[in-house]
């Protein structure tokens, strides 16, 4: 399993309650729901490959390609 990075996230109460309800509706923890939402957004934005590797659009790779 890949290592996970812990960090603090501050949300207002209304946002947290909405997130908590959404997570419960999908049988996830709040943390799991946040991971899912972030993962989906990264894939949609082209910043995360299906295999899980991140990539910055337009950034040249070591072999000189984009």
N, C-alpha and C. Protein backbone atom coordinates (compact mmCIF):
# COMPACT_ATOMS: atom_id res chain seq x y z
N UNK A 1 0.84 -1.18 0.00
CA UNK A 1 0.00 0.00 0.00
C UNK A 1 0.88 1.24 0.00
N UNK A 2 0.49 2.24 -0.76
CA UNK A 2 1.25 3.49 -0.85
C UNK A 2 1.16 4.25 0.48
N UNK A 3 2.24 4.97 0.77
CA UNK A 3 2.22 5.81 1.96
C UNK A 3 1.20 6.92 1.80
N UNK A 4 0.62 7.34 2.91
CA UNK A 4 -0.34 8.44 2.87
C UNK A 4 0.21 9.61 3.65
N UNK A 5 -0.04 10.79 3.16
CA UNK A 5 0.41 12.03 3.78
C UNK A 5 -0.74 12.62 4.58
N UNK A 6 -0.51 12.86 5.84
CA UNK A 6 -1.53 13.47 6.70
C UNK A 6 -1.39 14.99 6.67
N UNK A 7 -2.52 15.70 6.69
CA UNK A 7 -2.49 17.15 6.76
C UNK A 7 -3.79 17.64 7.37
N UNK A 8 -3.78 18.88 7.82
CA UNK A 8 -4.95 19.47 8.46
C UNK A 8 -5.78 20.19 7.40
N UNK A 9 -7.08 20.02 7.47
CA UNK A 9 -8.00 20.71 6.57
C UNK A 9 -9.08 21.36 7.41
N UNK A 10 -9.24 22.64 7.24
CA UNK A 10 -10.27 23.35 8.00
C UNK A 10 -11.46 23.62 7.08
N UNK A 11 -12.65 23.22 7.53
CA UNK A 11 -13.88 23.46 6.79
C UNK A 11 -14.88 24.14 7.71
N UNK A 12 -15.74 24.96 7.14
CA UNK A 12 -16.79 25.51 8.00
C UNK A 12 -17.78 24.40 8.33
N UNK A 13 -18.55 24.59 9.38
CA UNK A 13 -19.44 23.53 9.88
C UNK A 13 -20.47 23.08 8.85
N UNK A 14 -21.03 24.02 8.12
CA UNK A 14 -22.05 23.67 7.12
C UNK A 14 -21.46 22.77 6.02
N UNK A 15 -20.27 23.12 5.55
CA UNK A 15 -19.60 22.31 4.53
C UNK A 15 -19.29 20.93 5.07
N UNK A 16 -18.79 20.85 6.30
CA UNK A 16 -18.45 19.56 6.88
C UNK A 16 -19.69 18.68 7.04
N UNK A 17 -20.79 19.28 7.49
CA UNK A 17 -22.03 18.50 7.66
C UNK A 17 -22.52 17.96 6.31
N UNK A 18 -22.44 18.78 5.26
CA UNK A 18 -22.85 18.33 3.93
C UNK A 18 -21.95 17.20 3.45
N UNK A 19 -20.66 17.33 3.68
CA UNK A 19 -19.70 16.30 3.30
C UNK A 19 -19.96 15.01 4.08
N UNK A 20 -20.26 15.15 5.35
CA UNK A 20 -20.55 13.99 6.21
C UNK A 20 -21.79 13.23 5.70
N UNK A 21 -22.83 13.97 5.31
CA UNK A 21 -24.05 13.34 4.77
C UNK A 21 -23.75 12.64 3.45
N UNK A 22 -23.00 13.30 2.58
CA UNK A 22 -22.64 12.73 1.29
C UNK A 22 -21.85 11.44 1.48
N UNK A 23 -20.88 11.47 2.37
CA UNK A 23 -20.07 10.28 2.66
C UNK A 23 -20.95 9.15 3.17
N UNK A 24 -21.85 9.45 4.07
CA UNK A 24 -22.74 8.42 4.62
C UNK A 24 -23.63 7.83 3.52
N UNK A 25 -24.11 8.66 2.62
CA UNK A 25 -24.94 8.18 1.51
C UNK A 25 -24.19 7.20 0.62
N UNK A 26 -22.88 7.34 0.54
CA UNK A 26 -22.08 6.48 -0.32
C UNK A 26 -21.27 5.45 0.48
N UNK A 27 -21.65 5.29 1.76
CA UNK A 27 -21.03 4.29 2.65
C UNK A 27 -19.52 4.46 2.76
N UNK A 28 -19.10 5.72 2.89
CA UNK A 28 -17.69 6.03 3.08
C UNK A 28 -17.52 6.87 4.34
N UNK A 29 -16.30 6.90 4.84
CA UNK A 29 -15.95 7.85 5.91
C UNK A 29 -15.78 9.22 5.25
N UNK A 30 -15.75 10.26 6.05
CA UNK A 30 -15.51 11.60 5.51
C UNK A 30 -14.13 11.63 4.83
N UNK A 31 -13.14 11.04 5.46
CA UNK A 31 -11.81 10.99 4.87
C UNK A 31 -11.83 10.23 3.53
N UNK A 32 -12.50 9.10 3.50
CA UNK A 32 -12.61 8.32 2.28
C UNK A 32 -13.33 9.08 1.18
N UNK A 33 -14.35 9.82 1.56
CA UNK A 33 -15.10 10.62 0.58
C UNK A 33 -14.21 11.72 0.01
N UNK A 34 -13.45 12.38 0.86
CA UNK A 34 -12.53 13.42 0.38
C UNK A 34 -11.49 12.83 -0.57
N UNK A 35 -10.93 11.69 -0.22
CA UNK A 35 -9.96 11.04 -1.10
C UNK A 35 -10.58 10.72 -2.45
N UNK A 36 -11.82 10.21 -2.44
CA UNK A 36 -12.52 9.87 -3.67
C UNK A 36 -12.76 11.11 -4.53
N UNK A 37 -13.26 12.19 -3.92
CA UNK A 37 -13.56 13.43 -4.64
C UNK A 37 -12.28 14.00 -5.26
N UNK A 38 -11.22 14.04 -4.47
CA UNK A 38 -9.96 14.59 -4.96
C UNK A 38 -9.40 13.73 -6.08
N UNK A 39 -9.45 12.42 -5.93
CA UNK A 39 -8.94 11.52 -6.95
C UNK A 39 -9.71 11.72 -8.27
N UNK A 40 -11.03 11.78 -8.19
CA UNK A 40 -11.84 11.97 -9.39
C UNK A 40 -11.51 13.30 -10.07
N UNK A 41 -11.34 14.36 -9.28
CA UNK A 41 -11.03 15.67 -9.85
C UNK A 41 -9.66 15.66 -10.52
N UNK A 42 -8.68 14.99 -9.92
CA UNK A 42 -7.35 14.91 -10.50
C UNK A 42 -7.36 14.14 -11.82
N UNK A 43 -8.10 13.06 -11.88
CA UNK A 43 -8.20 12.28 -13.12
C UNK A 43 -8.89 13.12 -14.20
N UNK A 44 -9.99 13.76 -13.85
CA UNK A 44 -10.74 14.58 -14.81
C UNK A 44 -9.89 15.73 -15.35
N UNK A 45 -9.04 16.31 -14.50
CA UNK A 45 -8.19 17.42 -14.92
C UNK A 45 -6.94 16.96 -15.65
N UNK A 46 -6.76 15.65 -15.78
CA UNK A 46 -5.59 15.14 -16.46
C UNK A 46 -4.32 15.24 -15.64
N UNK A 47 -4.46 15.38 -14.35
CA UNK A 47 -3.30 15.53 -13.46
C UNK A 47 -2.92 14.21 -12.79
N UNK A 48 -3.72 13.18 -13.00
CA UNK A 48 -3.44 11.88 -12.41
C UNK A 48 -3.76 10.81 -13.43
N UNK A 49 -2.78 9.99 -13.71
CA UNK A 49 -2.98 8.89 -14.65
C UNK A 49 -3.78 7.80 -13.96
N UNK A 50 -4.38 6.90 -14.73
CA UNK A 50 -5.17 5.82 -14.15
C UNK A 50 -4.38 4.97 -13.18
N UNK A 51 -3.07 4.82 -13.42
CA UNK A 51 -2.22 4.04 -12.54
C UNK A 51 -1.89 4.76 -11.24
N UNK A 52 -2.31 6.03 -11.12
CA UNK A 52 -2.09 6.77 -9.90
C UNK A 52 -0.94 7.75 -9.94
N UNK A 53 -0.20 7.81 -11.07
CA UNK A 53 0.93 8.73 -11.14
C UNK A 53 0.47 10.12 -11.53
N UNK A 54 1.02 11.12 -10.85
CA UNK A 54 0.66 12.50 -11.16
C UNK A 54 1.51 13.00 -12.31
N UNK A 55 0.97 13.94 -13.05
CA UNK A 55 1.69 14.53 -14.17
C UNK A 55 1.15 15.94 -14.37
N UNK A 56 2.01 16.87 -14.62
CA UNK A 56 1.60 18.24 -14.88
C UNK A 56 1.45 18.44 -16.38
N UNK A 57 0.26 18.83 -16.85
CA UNK A 57 0.08 19.05 -18.29
C UNK A 57 1.06 20.10 -18.80
N UNK A 58 1.68 19.81 -19.96
CA UNK A 58 2.60 20.75 -20.56
C UNK A 58 4.02 20.68 -20.03
N UNK A 59 4.23 19.96 -18.95
CA UNK A 59 5.57 19.85 -18.38
C UNK A 59 6.35 18.78 -19.15
N UNK A 60 7.56 19.12 -19.55
CA UNK A 60 8.37 18.17 -20.30
C UNK A 60 8.91 17.08 -19.39
N UNK A 61 8.86 15.86 -19.92
CA UNK A 61 9.39 14.72 -19.19
C UNK A 61 10.88 14.61 -19.46
N UNK A 62 11.53 13.71 -18.78
CA UNK A 62 12.99 13.54 -18.92
C UNK A 62 13.41 13.27 -20.35
N UNK A 63 12.55 12.59 -21.13
CA UNK A 63 12.93 12.26 -22.51
C UNK A 63 12.65 13.41 -23.48
N UNK A 64 12.20 14.57 -22.96
CA UNK A 64 11.96 15.74 -23.79
C UNK A 64 10.56 15.85 -24.35
N UNK A 65 9.72 14.84 -24.14
CA UNK A 65 8.35 14.90 -24.62
C UNK A 65 7.46 15.57 -23.60
N UNK A 66 6.27 15.95 -24.05
CA UNK A 66 5.30 16.57 -23.12
C UNK A 66 4.26 15.57 -22.72
